[in-house]
């Protein structure tokens, strides 16, 4: 494809002449100028589409990441309970521990160190005799997840009715 440099050079010369006579604003207003209403509308439309895609992506990713953080918190609870149970079993008392015991290390004579960082979004309910537990984690989106001592690797998303029935206190 051969470019027509004569036409291009003529347009550049005309633009420079208009700019010299009328100033930059006047040169842009002339018919030979590069900016017109259609070009502006297309530019605004393209920017709007790109902004819409970015906004939709951000608003989809943020809740997803908050829910994943709540699931990760339950993984931490499962690990802490596993360690605490192992220490207790070594001392002849196979049991799980409350959230406050895991947060402070109280009752963990083998370590006496906290195994779980305190969080207002985590709740642990112990079963009879402390031989089972159910741990709950509330996401920033309001979604509640749970794990149990019977299946600590499977995170279950709870319905609002299940949350109410479990009487969870965060």
Foldseek 3Di string as FASTA:
>chain_A
DDDDVVVVVVLVVVLVVQCVVPNNVRSCPDPSHPDDPVVVVVVVVVVVVVVVVVVVVVVVVVQVVLVVVQVVLLVLVLVLQVVQQVQCVVVVQRAGDFPVCLCQVPPSVVPSHHSHHDDQQKGKDADPSRNKIKIWGAGPVRWIWIAIPVGSVDIHTDDPVVCVVVPTGD
